[in-house]
Amino acid sequence: MPFPTIAALEELVPELARLANTPKSNQTQIDNFATLLQNAGRLWTIERSLYDSYSDFFVEIEQEWFDCITWSEKFLDKIPDVQHKSLEYFLLGEYTTFSKNQWQQEIIKKYQISPTILQKILFSKIFQVTDRTLRNNFKRLTKLDIPKLKKSDRTKGKYKKVIENFYEDNLDLTKDNNCAIAVNNLSNFLNDGISTIAELLISKINGEQRFFIQAEYVVSENIQDLAADWADNLREIWKQDFISPIQIKYRSASQNTINSYIVYPVALHYYQRAYYLYAVGETPAQTNSQTFQWYSYRLERILFLKELTWNFSDTTKLLKAQIYPGDRVNYCYSPTYIQEQLELAYGLSFYRQANTMLLRFERDYYQRQIKDTIRHSTFEKIADLTEVKNFIIQQLKSETDKGKKHGQEKLLAKVEQNCEDAYYKLRYRVDDNDAIVRLRSWGSNVEVILPWDLRQQIKQELEQACNLYKF
């Protein structure tokens, strides 16, 4: 799916480029910028409606040659309340909050516009225009350096598409057995570090693609199509203004069961070589409580998926009351909330309780593999050894178990003995397998000092693994 980068908008309306890096000091300058950005947004939307079959705005036009009226009628059928939709809806409505924020920051920085004024422009209704304006937009699309439409020489007011697969021909594809990457021009909205990599993705060097990404997907090929079908179904459901609940039949590996559940789908997440559906509702691990819970469903383990109405059953009505306490979805059941929670602690199961682990890395391994790396936003080095000792004392001071009390003394002595090593704190989700997998990957190079229960769990697993190699 293409993104409305600054470069893409300036290609449609070159006059925008002349306003860059100039503060908008009076209302005339602001109005001029608003008009040009609105025009670019309208051209961008018309272009996507003709070429981008994945867009919410895409319209099917059977005739090779068509006029602006034909397009307008089909576009109105697709979006009946089009005149009440904002510039933000058409430009950014299909993209993540992160992408929207990055885009707005780039616009503010390049065009020297205030956030308040930009928001006002984004709220403007770009299709509250005359038929003449739309006809002029069609003409504009024929006169670009790279035309998006071709005008008929024989019949007045008739146009046709330039290339049927316009977007596909303008994407660089990097393919591997397990990976297909489609990259458009992202460099204008990605941060500096990522945009450098993006430049490698979108450009060949002397005719050769020199940059590849291997995104391992562990799901077997015979059920990948099934998972893709569920993703397509969810995409259609998420296009609704009032998202419906779904019923799924799910094979739970942790519970070793196959059951049906009614849930409210919120987001898909690719994580650790598989896709997960974050949803709220009934779960494989649920008790008899009437409060519905979060759960991450492996997409390929969904055996059946069906869209329901909110009046389908008592369960859907109760779920609706929790998700929609008013006419808007509760913020705690939104994709933005998920992103925020994932940042607060390491692990896929963001809905689990969080705790802090204290880790020790041997000095040489730290210098070679850990130093200056980012494992999670909460992965933090403790420079002061006194702080490490205080953390141990604080965590174990209320323990009444004699074994843990004795363990505290040994841990403090061990820290003193290994004072040259590196100590880190990391917030993690309790009982989330991802934290365990991360610790296993470090192997003997890391020691879990606390929490005590996690330390004992890792110890027991290592002993069991060691027993496998004994004769």
Protein backbone atom coordinates (compact mmCIF):
# COMPACT_ATOMS: atom_id res chain seq x y z
CA MET A 1 0.00 0.00 0.00
CA PRO A 2 1.59 3.33 -1.05
CA PHE A 3 2.05 6.07 1.53
CA PRO A 4 1.41 9.82 0.96
CA THR A 5 5.01 10.92 1.37
CA ILE A 6 5.97 14.53 0.90
CA ALA A 7 7.71 13.58 -2.35
CA ALA A 8 4.53 11.93 -3.64
CA LEU A 9 2.37 14.96 -2.79
CA GLU A 10 4.87 17.39 -4.32
CA GLU A 11 4.90 15.30 -7.49
CA LEU A 12 1.14 15.82 -7.73
CA VAL A 13 1.32 19.53 -6.78
CA PRO A 14 4.84 20.87 -7.50
CA GLU A 15 3.84 24.27 -6.11
CA LEU A 16 4.08 22.75 -2.63
CA ALA A 17 7.85 22.41 -2.97
CA ARG A 18 8.21 26.18 -3.30
CA LEU A 19 6.61 26.64 0.13
CA ALA A 20 9.13 24.43 1.90
CA ASN A 21 11.35 25.77 4.70
CA THR A 22 9.45 29.05 4.81
CA PRO A 23 7.55 30.04 7.98
CA LYS A 24 3.87 30.82 7.33
CA SER A 25 3.70 34.26 8.96
CA ASN A 26 0.35 35.55 7.68
CA GLN A 27 -3.09 34.23 6.83
CA THR A 28 -2.56 34.52 3.07
CA GLN A 29 0.44 32.18 3.23
CA ILE A 30 -1.48 29.75 5.44
CA ASP A 31 -4.49 29.75 3.11
CA ASN A 32 -2.25 29.18 0.08
CA PHE A 33 -0.55 26.22 1.75
CA ALA A 34 -3.93 24.78 2.84
CA THR A 35 -5.32 25.01 -0.69
CA LEU A 36 -2.30 23.28 -2.21
CA LEU A 37 -2.25 20.49 0.41
CA GLN A 38 -5.99 19.93 0.00
CA ASN A 39 -5.55 19.76 -3.76
CA ALA A 40 -2.70 17.26 -3.37
CA GLY A 41 -4.86 15.16 -1.06
CA ARG A 42 -7.70 15.12 -3.56
CA LEU A 43 -5.37 14.15 -6.44
CA TRP A 44 -3.80 11.45 -4.28
CA THR A 45 -7.23 10.02 -3.46
CA ILE A 46 -8.39 10.04 -7.10
CA GLU A 47 -5.16 8.30 -8.13
CA ARG A 48 -5.57 5.58 -5.49
CA SER A 49 -9.23 5.11 -6.35
CA LEU A 50 -8.16 4.23 -9.89
CA TYR A 51 -5.05 2.14 -9.28
CA ASP A 52 -4.77 0.82 -5.72
CA SER A 53 -7.03 -2.24 -5.46
CA TYR A 54 -6.12 -2.58 -1.75
CA SER A 55 -7.39 0.89 -0.94
CA ASP A 56 -10.72 1.60 0.75
CA PHE A 57 -11.33 4.11 -2.08
CA PHE A 58 -10.76 1.81 -5.06
CA VAL A 59 -13.52 1.81 -7.70
CA GLU A 60 -14.02 -0.58 -10.59
CA ILE A 61 -14.50 1.11 -13.96
CA GLU A 62 -15.22 -1.34 -16.76
CA GLN A 63 -14.85 1.06 -19.69
CA GLU A 64 -11.40 1.75 -21.11
CA TRP A 65 -12.36 5.39 -21.66
CA PHE A 66 -14.46 7.15 -19.00
CA ASP A 67 -15.34 10.67 -17.91
CA CYS A 68 -15.21 12.49 -14.59
CA ILE A 69 -18.96 12.03 -14.04
CA THR A 70 -18.68 8.23 -14.29
CA TRP A 71 -15.85 8.22 -11.80
CA SER A 72 -17.75 10.58 -9.43
CA GLU A 73 -20.84 8.36 -9.42
CA LYS A 74 -18.86 5.23 -8.62
CA PHE A 75 -16.78 7.04 -6.00
CA LEU A 76 -19.97 8.31 -4.34
CA ASP A 77 -21.38 4.76 -4.31
CA LYS A 78 -18.17 3.60 -2.64
CA ILE A 79 -18.17 6.41 -0.05
CA PRO A 80 -21.75 7.79 0.23
CA ASP A 81 -20.79 10.54 2.70
CA VAL A 82 -17.68 11.55 0.81
CA GLN A 83 -18.38 15.29 1.17
CA HIS A 84 -18.20 14.99 4.95
CA LYS A 85 -14.89 13.10 5.02
CA SER A 86 -11.75 14.99 6.00
CA LEU A 87 -8.35 15.33 4.36
CA GLU A 88 -6.94 13.27 7.24
CA TYR A 89 -9.38 10.45 6.47
CA PHE A 90 -8.31 10.22 2.84
CA LEU A 91 -4.56 10.70 3.36
CA LEU A 92 -3.93 8.90 6.65
CA GLY A 93 -7.05 6.93 7.59
CA GLU A 94 -5.64 3.53 6.54
CA TYR A 95 -2.31 3.86 8.32
CA THR A 96 -1.00 3.32 11.85
CA THR A 97 -0.85 5.99 14.54
CA PHE A 98 2.96 5.83 14.34
CA SER A 99 2.88 6.53 10.60
CA LYS A 100 0.42 9.40 11.03
CA ASN A 101 2.54 11.04 13.71
CA GLN A 102 5.72 10.69 11.65
CA TRP A 103 3.98 12.17 8.60
CA GLN A 104 2.66 15.17 10.55
CA GLN A 105 6.08 15.85 12.08
CA GLU A 106 7.67 15.84 8.61
CA ILE A 107 5.01 18.19 7.23
CA ILE A 108 5.39 20.61 10.18
CA LYS A 109 9.17 20.58 9.87
CA LYS A 110 9.42 21.00 6.09
CA TYR A 111 6.65 23.56 5.55
CA GLN A 112 7.19 25.51 8.80
CA ILE A 113 3.54 25.20 9.82
CA SER A 114 2.22 25.02 13.37
CA PRO A 115 0.63 21.78 14.66
CA THR A 116 -2.62 23.63 15.36
CA ILE A 117 -2.91 24.96 11.83
CA LEU A 118 -2.01 21.58 10.34
CA GLN A 119 -4.76 19.90 12.38
CA LYS A 120 -7.24 22.48 11.11
CA ILE A 121 -6.22 21.74 7.52
CA LEU A 122 -6.44 17.97 8.11
CA PHE A 123 -10.01 18.40 9.37
CA SER A 124 -11.07 20.22 6.17
CA LYS A 125 -13.52 18.48 3.80
CA ILE A 126 -11.62 18.14 0.53
CA PHE A 127 -14.52 16.87 -1.59
CA GLN A 128 -16.84 19.75 -0.82
CA VAL A 129 -15.94 21.14 -4.24
CA THR A 130 -17.65 21.82 -7.56
CA ASP A 131 -17.75 19.46 -10.55
CA ARG A 132 -15.47 21.90 -12.32
CA THR A 133 -12.79 21.45 -9.65
CA LEU A 134 -12.93 17.67 -10.07
CA ARG A 135 -12.66 18.01 -13.86
CA ASN A 136 -9.61 20.21 -13.37
CA ASN A 137 -8.13 17.57 -11.07
CA PHE A 138 -8.56 14.98 -13.84
CA LYS A 139 -6.82 17.29 -16.30
CA ARG A 140 -4.00 17.82 -13.80
CA LEU A 141 -3.39 14.07 -13.61
CA THR A 142 -2.74 14.03 -17.37
CA LYS A 143 -0.14 16.83 -17.24
CA LEU A 144 2.23 15.53 -14.58
CA ASP A 145 5.83 14.58 -15.36
CA ILE A 146 4.65 11.01 -14.93
CA PRO A 147 0.99 11.20 -16.08
CA LYS A 148 -1.56 9.23 -14.07
CA LEU A 149 -4.28 9.53 -16.75
CA LYS A 150 -4.32 9.86 -20.53
CA LYS A 151 -6.77 12.29 -22.14
CA SER A 152 -8.61 11.29 -25.30
CA ASP A 153 -7.69 13.19 -28.46
CA ARG A 154 -11.01 12.28 -30.09
CA THR A 155 -13.69 12.55 -27.39
CA LYS A 156 -13.86 15.58 -25.13
CA GLY A 157 -13.72 14.85 -21.39
CA LYS A 158 -12.75 11.18 -21.76
CA TYR A 159 -9.78 9.61 -19.96
CA LYS A 160 -8.19 6.22 -19.51
CA LYS A 161 -5.71 4.70 -17.09
CA VAL A 162 -2.07 4.91 -18.06
CA ILE A 163 -1.05 1.48 -16.76
CA GLU A 164 -3.42 -1.09 -15.30
CA ASN A 165 -0.86 -2.19 -12.70
CA PHE A 166 0.47 1.30 -11.98
CA TYR A 167 1.40 0.71 -8.33
CA GLU A 168 2.79 -2.77 -8.88
CA ASP A 169 5.15 -1.44 -11.57
CA ASN A 170 6.44 1.25 -9.20
CA LEU A 171 7.29 -1.07 -6.33
CA ASP A 172 10.67 -2.75 -5.89
CA LEU A 173 10.20 -6.36 -4.87
CA THR A 174 12.77 -8.37 -2.95
CA LYS A 175 11.78 -12.03 -2.85
CA ASP A 176 13.07 -15.02 -0.92
CA ASN A 177 11.65 -18.45 -0.18
CA ASN A 178 10.00 -17.13 2.95
CA CYS A 179 9.90 -13.41 2.25
CA ALA A 180 8.38 -10.93 -0.18
CA ILE A 181 8.97 -7.26 0.46
CA ALA A 182 7.18 -4.50 -1.36
CA VAL A 183 8.73 -1.11 -0.65
CA ASN A 184 7.51 2.26 -1.84
CA ASN A 185 9.32 5.56 -1.27
CA LEU A 186 9.29 5.71 2.55
CA SER A 187 12.33 7.86 3.18
CA ASN A 188 10.36 11.06 3.69
CA PHE A 189 8.43 9.83 6.72
CA LEU A 190 10.74 7.24 8.33
CA ASN A 191 13.28 8.36 10.91
CA ASP A 192 16.85 8.88 9.78
CA GLY A 193 18.12 5.45 10.85
CA ILE A 194 15.41 3.49 9.09
CA SER A 195 15.25 5.71 6.01
CA THR A 196 18.89 4.86 5.23
CA ILE A 197 17.96 1.18 5.10
CA ALA A 198 14.84 2.01 3.08
CA GLU A 199 17.03 3.63 0.42
CA LEU A 200 18.86 0.30 0.04
CA LEU A 201 15.52 -1.47 -0.32
CA ILE A 202 14.06 0.77 -2.98
CA SER A 203 17.04 1.21 -5.26
CA LYS A 204 19.29 -1.12 -7.23
CA ILE A 205 23.03 -0.57 -7.59
CA ASN A 206 24.30 -1.03 -11.16
CA GLY A 207 21.18 -3.07 -11.87
CA GLU A 208 21.62 -5.42 -8.90
CA GLN A 209 19.53 -5.66 -5.73
CA ARG A 210 22.10 -5.72 -2.91
CA PHE A 211 19.83 -5.71 0.14
CA PHE A 212 17.63 -8.62 1.22
CA ILE A 213 15.54 -9.32 4.30
CA GLN A 214 14.78 -12.85 5.51
CA ALA A 215 11.54 -12.72 7.48
CA GLU A 216 11.14 -16.28 8.72
CA TYR A 217 7.55 -17.52 8.85
CA VAL A 218 7.33 -20.86 10.65
CA VAL A 219 3.79 -21.75 9.56
CA SER A 220 3.74 -24.69 7.12
CA GLU A 221 2.88 -23.84 3.52
CA ASN A 222 -0.32 -25.91 3.46
CA ILE A 223 -1.97 -23.65 6.06
CA GLN A 224 -0.41 -20.30 5.12
CA ASP A 225 -3.28 -19.67 2.70
CA LEU A 226 -5.78 -20.26 5.51
CA ALA A 227 -4.05 -17.68 7.72
CA ALA A 228 -4.02 -15.25 4.78
CA ASP A 229 -7.78 -15.75 4.33
CA TRP A 230 -8.39 -14.87 7.99
CA ALA A 231 -6.25 -11.75 7.59
CA ASP A 232 -8.30 -10.70 4.53
CA ASN A 233 -11.56 -11.27 6.44
CA LEU A 234 -10.32 -9.19 9.35
CA ARG A 235 -9.25 -6.41 7.00
CA GLU A 236 -12.80 -6.14 5.68
CA ILE A 237 -14.25 -6.15 9.21
CA TRP A 238 -11.86 -3.39 10.31
CA LYS A 239 -13.02 -1.17 7.46
CA GLN A 240 -16.37 -0.78 9.26
CA ASP A 241 -17.06 2.35 11.28
CA PHE A 242 -18.63 0.14 13.96
CA ILE A 243 -16.48 -3.00 14.07
CA SER A 244 -18.35 -6.29 14.53
CA PRO A 245 -17.49 -9.15 16.89
CA ILE A 246 -16.42 -12.50 15.44
CA GLN A 247 -16.74 -16.14 16.38
CA ILE A 248 -13.67 -18.31 15.94
CA LYS A 249 -12.98 -22.00 16.33
CA TYR A 250 -9.50 -22.22 17.81
CA ARG A 251 -6.98 -24.95 18.51
CA SER A 252 -5.15 -23.98 21.69
CA ALA A 253 -1.67 -25.47 22.05
CA SER A 254 -1.34 -24.42 25.70
CA GLN A 255 -4.68 -25.96 26.72
CA ASN A 256 -4.64 -28.80 24.14
CA THR A 257 -8.27 -28.05 23.25
CA ILE A 258 -10.40 -27.04 20.28
CA ASN A 259 -13.27 -24.72 21.18
CA SER A 260 -15.30 -21.80 19.84
CA TYR A 261 -14.90 -18.29 21.23
CA ILE A 262 -16.67 -14.98 20.68
CA VAL A 263 -14.19 -12.09 20.57
CA TYR A 264 -13.74 -8.48 19.47
CA PRO A 265 -10.74 -8.35 17.04
CA VAL A 266 -8.35 -5.42 17.54
CA ALA A 267 -5.05 -5.93 15.71
CA LEU A 268 -2.70 -8.34 13.95
CA HIS A 269 0.89 -8.62 15.12
CA TYR A 270 3.79 -10.38 13.39
CA TYR A 271 6.04 -11.55 16.19
CA GLN A 272 8.69 -14.26 16.55
CA ARG A 273 8.01 -15.88 13.15
CA ALA A 274 4.20 -16.05 13.26
CA TYR A 275 1.09 -13.85 13.12
CA TYR A 276 -1.11 -13.23 16.14
CA LEU A 277 -4.58 -11.77 16.46
CA TYR A 278 -5.03 -9.56 19.51
CA ALA A 279 -8.65 -9.81 20.59
CA VAL A 280 -10.87 -9.24 23.64
CA GLY A 281 -13.52 -11.73 24.67
CA GLU A 282 -13.72 -15.39 25.56
CA THR A 283 -10.33 -17.10 25.83
CA PRO A 284 -8.99 -20.67 26.17
CA ALA A 285 -7.71 -19.83 29.66
CA GLN A 286 -10.82 -17.96 30.81
CA THR A 287 -12.49 -18.71 34.14
CA ASN A 288 -16.21 -18.28 34.77
CA SER A 289 -15.79 -14.54 35.21
CA GLN A 290 -18.18 -12.28 33.27
CA THR A 291 -15.32 -9.89 32.51
CA PHE A 292 -13.87 -10.59 29.08
CA GLN A 293 -10.11 -10.79 28.67
CA TRP A 294 -7.35 -10.08 26.17
CA TYR A 295 -5.73 -12.97 24.32
CA SER A 296 -3.24 -13.40 21.47
CA TYR A 297 -4.49 -16.03 19.00
CA ARG A 298 -2.02 -17.63 16.60
CA LEU A 299 -3.62 -16.90 13.25
CA GLU A 300 -2.98 -20.30 11.65
CA ARG A 301 -4.57 -22.09 14.63
CA ILE A 302 -7.92 -20.47 13.85
CA LEU A 303 -9.95 -23.20 12.14
CA PHE A 304 -13.07 -21.14 11.46
CA LEU A 305 -13.91 -17.43 11.51
CA LYS A 306 -17.35 -15.85 11.20
CA GLU A 307 -18.51 -12.27 11.54
CA LEU A 308 -21.39 -11.75 14.01
CA THR A 309 -23.79 -8.95 14.87
CA TRP A 310 -23.72 -7.34 18.29
CA ASN A 311 -27.22 -8.72 18.94
CA PHE A 312 -26.21 -12.30 18.14
CA SER A 313 -26.32 -13.56 21.74
CA ASP A 314 -26.14 -12.54 25.39
CA THR A 315 -22.36 -12.93 25.11
CA THR A 316 -22.06 -10.41 22.28
CA LYS A 317 -24.31 -7.97 24.12
CA LEU A 318 -22.17 -8.20 27.26
CA LEU A 319 -19.04 -7.85 25.17
CA LYS A 320 -20.45 -4.76 23.46
CA ALA A 321 -21.19 -3.16 26.83
CA GLN A 322 -17.51 -3.64 27.77
CA ILE A 323 -16.00 -2.57 24.43
CA TYR A 324 -18.44 0.25 23.62
CA PRO A 325 -19.50 1.89 26.90
CA GLY A 326 -20.74 4.82 24.79
CA ASP A 327 -20.81 5.50 21.08
CA ARG A 328 -17.03 5.10 20.83
CA VAL A 329 -14.76 2.16 21.48
CA ASN A 330 -13.09 2.15 24.89
CA TYR A 331 -9.49 3.37 24.45
CA CYS A 332 -8.24 0.32 26.40
CA TYR A 333 -9.39 -1.88 23.50
CA SER A 334 -7.66 0.05 20.72
CA PRO A 335 -4.49 -0.69 18.67
CA THR A 336 -2.82 2.39 20.16
CA TYR A 337 -3.32 0.99 23.66
CA ILE A 338 -1.66 -2.27 22.57
CA GLN A 339 1.37 -0.41 21.21
CA GLU A 340 1.72 1.53 24.44
CA GLN A 341 1.53 -1.61 26.58
CA LEU A 342 4.10 -3.44 24.45
CA GLU A 343 6.52 -0.60 25.17
CA LEU A 344 6.01 -0.90 28.93
CA ALA A 345 7.31 -4.45 29.27
CA TYR A 346 8.98 -7.14 27.17
CA GLY A 347 6.73 -9.89 25.84
CA LEU A 348 3.91 -10.60 23.42
CA SER A 349 1.25 -10.98 26.15
CA PHE A 350 0.98 -7.28 26.98
CA TYR A 351 -2.11 -7.99 29.10
CA ARG A 352 -0.18 -10.03 31.68
CA GLN A 353 1.24 -8.64 34.92
CA ALA A 354 4.63 -6.93 34.58
CA ASN A 355 7.68 -7.44 36.78
CA THR A 356 11.35 -6.41 36.69
CA MET A 357 14.22 -8.86 36.25
CA LEU A 358 17.80 -8.18 37.29
CA LEU A 359 20.42 -9.68 34.98
CA ARG A 360 24.19 -10.09 35.11
CA PHE A 361 26.32 -10.32 31.95
CA GLU A 362 29.93 -11.44 32.10
CA ARG A 363 32.10 -8.45 31.26
CA ASP A 364 33.67 -9.77 28.03
CA TYR A 365 30.32 -10.91 26.61
CA TYR A 366 28.78 -7.56 27.54
CA GLN A 367 31.52 -5.70 25.66
CA ARG A 368 31.12 -7.86 22.55
CA GLN A 369 27.38 -8.50 22.35
CA ILE A 370 25.30 -6.35 24.73
CA LYS A 371 26.90 -2.92 24.89
CA ASP A 372 25.15 -0.26 22.79
CA THR A 373 22.33 -2.61 21.79
CA ILE A 374 18.60 -2.05 22.32
CA ARG A 375 16.63 -5.15 23.34
CA HIS A 376 13.59 -3.28 24.65
CA SER A 377 12.77 0.25 25.77
CA THR A 378 13.02 -0.92 29.41
CA PHE A 379 16.35 -2.75 28.96
CA GLU A 380 18.54 -0.50 31.13
CA LYS A 381 22.11 -0.80 32.38
CA ILE A 382 22.71 -0.18 36.10
CA ALA A 383 26.02 1.62 36.39
CA ASP A 384 26.16 1.87 40.19
CA LEU A 385 26.88 -1.39 42.06
CA THR A 386 25.22 0.05 45.16
CA GLU A 387 21.97 0.35 43.20
CA VAL A 388 22.24 -3.32 42.25
CA LYS A 389 22.66 -4.36 45.88
CA ASN A 390 19.80 -2.11 47.02
CA PHE A 391 17.55 -3.66 44.36
CA ILE A 392 18.30 -7.15 45.72
CA ILE A 393 17.68 -6.09 49.32
CA GLN A 394 14.47 -4.27 48.41
CA GLN A 395 13.07 -7.21 46.46
CA LEU A 396 13.77 -9.82 49.12
CA LYS A 397 13.39 -7.88 52.36
CA SER A 398 9.75 -8.90 52.88
CA GLU A 399 10.36 -12.58 52.20
CA THR A 400 9.76 -14.94 55.14
CA ASP A 401 11.07 -18.02 53.35
CA LYS A 402 14.43 -18.93 54.92
CA GLY A 403 15.77 -20.21 51.61
CA LYS A 404 15.16 -16.84 49.94
CA LYS A 405 16.61 -14.97 52.91
CA HIS A 406 19.74 -17.08 52.71
CA GLY A 407 19.72 -16.56 48.95
CA GLN A 408 19.83 -12.80 49.45
CA GLU A 409 23.12 -13.06 51.32
CA LYS A 410 24.61 -15.25 48.59
CA LEU A 411 23.41 -12.94 45.82
CA LEU A 412 24.92 -9.89 47.52
CA ALA A 413 28.20 -11.72 47.93
CA LYS A 414 28.12 -12.81 44.30
CA VAL A 415 27.56 -9.24 43.11
CA GLU A 416 30.52 -8.08 45.18
CA GLN A 417 32.62 -10.87 43.73
CA ASN A 418 31.61 -9.98 40.13
CA CYS A 419 31.75 -6.22 40.49
CA GLU A 420 33.34 -5.77 37.03
CA ASP A 421 30.43 -7.39 35.22
CA ALA A 422 27.45 -5.57 33.65
CA TYR A 423 24.06 -5.49 35.40
CA TYR A 424 20.80 -4.74 33.63
CA LYS A 425 17.14 -4.29 34.52
CA LEU A 426 14.36 -5.39 32.16
CA ARG A 427 10.60 -5.10 32.58
CA TYR A 428 8.88 -8.26 31.34
CA ARG A 429 5.49 -9.95 31.30
CA VAL A 430 5.19 -12.65 33.94
CA ASP A 431 4.57 -16.14 32.48
CA ASP A 432 5.11 -14.84 28.97
CA ASN A 433 7.17 -17.36 27.02
CA ASP A 434 8.98 -14.69 25.00
CA ALA A 435 10.96 -13.56 28.05
CA ILE A 436 12.04 -17.16 28.66
CA VAL A 437 13.02 -17.61 25.01
CA ARG A 438 15.13 -14.42 25.19
CA LEU A 439 16.94 -15.67 28.31
CA ARG A 440 17.55 -19.06 26.70
CA SER A 441 19.10 -17.38 23.67
CA TRP A 442 21.71 -15.74 25.94
CA GLY A 443 22.45 -19.15 27.49
CA SER A 444 25.34 -19.26 29.91
CA ASN A 445 26.26 -15.66 29.10
CA VAL A 446 23.54 -14.29 31.39
CA GLU A 447 22.57 -14.92 35.00
CA VAL A 448 19.06 -14.19 36.20
CA ILE A 449 19.54 -12.75 39.67
CA LEU A 450 15.93 -11.75 40.36
CA PRO A 451 13.01 -12.34 40.59
CA TRP A 452 13.74 -15.38 42.74
CA ASP A 453 10.99 -17.53 41.17
CA LEU A 454 12.24 -16.77 37.66
CA ARG A 455 15.79 -17.56 38.73
CA GLN A 456 14.68 -20.95 40.04
CA GLN A 457 12.67 -21.63 36.86
CA ILE A 458 15.69 -20.98 34.63
CA LYS A 459 17.88 -23.08 36.91
CA GLN A 460 15.45 -26.00 36.73
CA GLU A 461 15.20 -25.80 32.93
CA LEU A 462 18.99 -25.77 32.56
CA GLU A 463 19.31 -28.78 34.85
CA GLN A 464 16.70 -30.67 32.82
CA ALA A 465 18.48 -29.78 29.60
CA CYS A 466 21.78 -30.93 31.07
CA ASN A 467 20.23 -34.28 32.02
CA LEU A 468 19.44 -34.95 28.37
CA TYR A 469 23.15 -35.18 27.62
CA LYS A 470 24.05 -37.52 30.47
CA PHE A 471 24.74 -41.21 29.80
